[in-house]
Amino acid sequence: MLPDTQPAYVASWIYVFGVTTLSALAVVILSGFILALKGPQWWHVSGIGHFVNSLHLWSVEIFFFAMVIHLWGKFFMAAWRGGRSLTWVTGVVTFLTSIATAFTGYVSQTNFDSQWISTQAKDGINSTGAGSFFNVLNFGQMLMWHIVLLPLVAVILTGLHVLMVRAKGVVPPFEEKVEAR
């Protein structure tokens, strides 16, 4: 079902950012798993915990940087061509899920910044009517969304995205238009 070779144009730099996104996601999940094992306060009192927390933060930064460049590159290449529209949609939905995951991670930091952003976000979320389902001031709820639900959705969508890319192949570059004289 899945091809074992890729076309020569995949050696272009724009194709690297999808793999970079996947690699950063692996580091995010591994460092997040370690942080979750030790509890939500561990990274504030332990040198190793602070290192793992920093590794988690910087891998998230690399993840978003690579993902945005990947999305821009695929947008300008019209990656939905050739029956690949569902592949494009899963990538965009994964990006939106990742934003929600980053938000819940930000409000789960247990510091004054996260408290301030939680109180500000509470009013915005309540104004949309979602405040009865989603309480950003509830640390346990935010931590559950951040370490269980949203990452699970993101990993499933990423897996589907990669399988669709492997099944349909990567989108080829646009054909060069040659005008007849």
Protein backbone atom coordinates (compact mmCIF):
# COMPACT_ATOMS: atom_id res chain seq x y z
CA MET A 1 0.00 0.00 0.00
CA LEU A 2 2.68 2.48 0.94
CA PRO A 3 5.45 3.38 -1.52
CA ASP A 4 9.04 2.71 -0.51
CA THR A 5 10.59 5.40 -2.73
CA GLN A 6 9.89 9.08 -3.19
CA PRO A 7 10.29 11.29 -6.28
CA ALA A 8 13.45 13.35 -6.73
CA TYR A 9 11.72 16.68 -6.04
CA VAL A 10 11.17 15.62 -2.41
CA ALA A 11 14.83 16.54 -1.86
CA SER A 12 13.76 20.21 -1.93
CA TRP A 13 14.05 22.17 1.32
CA ILE A 14 10.32 22.84 1.59
CA TYR A 15 9.69 19.12 2.13
CA VAL A 16 12.08 19.06 5.11
CA PHE A 17 9.72 21.03 7.35
CA GLY A 18 7.11 18.27 7.54
CA VAL A 19 9.72 15.85 8.87
CA THR A 20 11.06 18.55 11.21
CA THR A 21 7.52 19.00 12.55
CA LEU A 22 7.23 15.25 13.16
CA SER A 23 10.61 15.13 14.90
CA ALA A 24 9.76 18.07 17.14
CA LEU A 25 6.40 16.45 17.95
CA ALA A 26 8.23 13.31 19.10
CA VAL A 27 10.42 15.39 21.46
CA VAL A 28 7.35 17.30 22.70
CA ILE A 29 5.56 14.05 23.53
CA LEU A 30 8.59 12.46 25.20
CA SER A 31 9.43 15.52 27.31
CA GLY A 32 5.75 16.02 28.14
CA PHE A 33 5.48 12.41 29.26
CA ILE A 34 8.45 12.89 31.61
CA LEU A 35 6.94 16.11 32.97
CA ALA A 36 3.59 14.38 33.54
CA LEU A 37 5.22 11.49 35.42
CA LYS A 38 6.80 13.77 38.00
CA GLY A 39 3.81 16.04 38.59
CA PRO A 40 2.94 19.65 37.81
CA GLN A 41 5.24 21.31 40.37
CA TRP A 42 8.38 19.26 39.76
CA TRP A 43 9.85 21.50 37.08
CA HIS A 44 9.82 24.49 39.47
CA VAL A 45 11.90 22.84 42.22
CA SER A 46 14.27 20.51 40.37
CA GLY A 47 17.18 21.36 38.09
CA ILE A 48 16.47 18.32 35.94
CA GLY A 49 12.79 19.23 35.93
CA HIS A 50 13.63 22.74 34.76
CA PHE A 51 15.79 21.28 31.98
CA VAL A 52 13.02 18.92 30.82
CA ASN A 53 10.50 21.77 30.99
CA SER A 54 12.82 23.95 28.88
CA LEU A 55 13.31 21.09 26.42
CA HIS A 56 9.53 20.79 26.19
CA LEU A 57 9.12 24.53 25.59
CA TRP A 58 11.81 24.77 22.91
CA SER A 59 10.62 21.66 21.10
CA VAL A 60 7.13 23.23 21.02
CA GLU A 61 8.70 26.38 19.54
CA ILE A 62 10.47 24.35 16.85
CA PHE A 63 7.27 22.35 16.25
CA PHE A 64 5.21 25.47 15.57
CA PHE A 65 7.93 27.16 13.50
CA ALA A 66 8.34 24.11 11.27
CA MET A 67 4.60 23.47 11.07
CA VAL A 68 3.80 27.04 9.99
CA ILE A 69 6.49 26.95 7.28
CA HIS A 70 5.22 23.51 6.21
CA LEU A 71 1.65 24.83 5.97
CA TRP A 72 2.70 27.95 4.06
CA GLY A 73 4.81 25.92 1.67
CA LYS A 74 2.02 23.46 1.01
CA PHE A 75 -0.52 26.28 0.65
CA PHE A 76 1.56 28.00 -2.03
CA MET A 77 2.16 24.64 -3.73
CA ALA A 78 -1.63 24.02 -3.72
CA ALA A 79 -1.11 20.74 -1.91
CA TRP A 80 -4.79 19.85 -2.19
CA ARG A 81 -4.33 19.09 -5.92
CA GLY A 82 -4.66 15.57 -7.23
CA GLY A 83 -7.15 14.26 -4.70
CA ARG A 84 -5.13 15.37 -1.70
CA SER A 85 -7.72 17.72 -0.19
CA LEU A 86 -8.36 15.50 2.84
CA THR A 87 -4.62 15.40 3.49
CA TRP A 88 -4.56 19.21 3.48
CA VAL A 89 -7.60 19.40 5.78
CA THR A 90 -6.08 16.99 8.32
CA GLY A 91 -2.94 19.14 8.39
CA VAL A 92 -4.93 22.32 9.03
CA VAL A 93 -7.08 20.67 11.72
CA THR A 94 -3.91 19.32 13.35
CA PHE A 95 -2.53 22.86 13.38
CA LEU A 96 -5.69 24.20 15.05
CA THR A 97 -5.62 21.35 17.59
CA SER A 98 -1.98 22.17 18.30
CA ILE A 99 -2.88 25.80 19.01
CA ALA A 100 -5.46 24.64 21.56
CA THR A 101 -2.89 22.28 23.08
CA ALA A 102 -0.35 25.10 23.35
CA PHE A 103 -2.94 27.34 25.01
CA THR A 104 -3.83 24.72 27.62
CA GLY A 105 -0.12 24.12 28.21
CA TYR A 106 0.47 27.81 28.69
CA VAL A 107 -2.26 28.09 31.34
CA SER A 108 -0.94 24.92 33.06
CA GLN A 109 2.48 26.38 33.88
CA THR A 110 1.49 27.23 37.48
CA ASN A 111 3.12 30.66 37.49
CA PHE A 112 1.83 34.23 37.51
CA ASP A 113 1.88 34.50 33.72
CA SER A 114 -0.42 31.50 33.38
CA GLN A 115 -2.73 32.83 36.10
CA TRP A 116 -3.00 36.19 34.37
CA ILE A 117 -3.67 34.72 30.92
CA SER A 118 -6.25 32.35 32.45
CA THR A 119 -8.22 35.19 34.00
CA GLN A 120 -8.09 37.15 30.74
CA ALA A 121 -9.07 34.12 28.64
CA LYS A 122 -11.95 33.28 30.99
CA ASP A 123 -13.90 36.35 29.87
CA GLY A 124 -13.24 35.67 26.19
CA ILE A 125 -14.28 32.04 26.44
CA ASN A 126 -17.38 32.93 28.48
CA SER A 127 -18.40 35.46 25.83
CA THR A 128 -18.50 32.68 23.23
CA GLY A 129 -20.74 30.52 25.40
CA ALA A 130 -18.10 27.82 25.81
CA GLY A 131 -17.38 28.79 29.42
CA SER A 132 -19.88 26.28 30.75
CA PHE A 133 -17.91 23.43 29.13
CA PHE A 134 -14.37 24.75 29.38
CA ASN A 135 -13.06 26.45 32.56
CA VAL A 136 -9.57 27.88 32.08
CA LEU A 137 -9.29 28.66 35.80
CA ASN A 138 -9.62 24.96 36.68
CA PHE A 139 -6.01 23.74 36.71
CA GLY A 140 -6.98 20.06 36.73
CA GLN A 141 -9.24 20.47 33.72
CA MET A 142 -6.59 22.39 31.76
CA LEU A 143 -3.93 19.82 32.63
CA MET A 144 -6.24 16.99 31.52
CA TRP A 145 -6.95 18.75 28.22
CA HIS A 146 -3.22 19.43 27.77
CA ILE A 147 -1.72 16.04 28.59
CA VAL A 148 -4.49 13.63 27.55
CA LEU A 149 -7.24 14.78 25.21
CA LEU A 150 -5.70 17.32 22.84
CA PRO A 151 -2.37 15.49 22.36
CA LEU A 152 -4.29 12.30 21.61
CA VAL A 153 -6.32 14.10 18.94
CA ALA A 154 -3.16 15.74 17.53
CA VAL A 155 -1.27 12.43 17.36
CA ILE A 156 -4.20 10.63 15.70
CA LEU A 157 -4.59 13.43 13.14
CA THR A 158 -0.83 13.49 12.51
CA GLY A 159 -0.82 9.73 11.97
CA LEU A 160 -3.72 10.02 9.52
CA HIS A 161 -1.97 12.89 7.76
CA VAL A 162 1.27 10.92 7.35
CA LEU A 163 -0.60 7.82 6.14
CA MET A 164 -2.49 9.91 3.56
CA VAL A 165 0.73 11.54 2.37
CA ARG A 166 2.35 8.12 2.02
CA ALA A 167 -0.70 6.63 0.27
CA LYS A 168 -1.36 9.51 -2.17
CA GLY A 169 2.25 10.65 -2.49
CA VAL A 170 3.61 14.13 -1.97
CA VAL A 171 2.27 16.89 -4.15
CA PRO A 172 4.47 17.56 -7.19
CA PRO A 173 5.64 21.09 -7.98
CA PHE A 174 3.68 23.11 -10.52
CA GLU A 175 4.49 22.38 -14.14
CA GLU A 176 6.61 25.02 -15.81
CA LYS A 177 4.59 26.82 -18.48
CA VAL A 178 6.40 27.06 -21.79
CA GLU A 179 4.97 29.51 -24.29
CA ALA A 180 5.16 28.60 -27.96
CA ARG A 181 6.74 31.18 -30.28
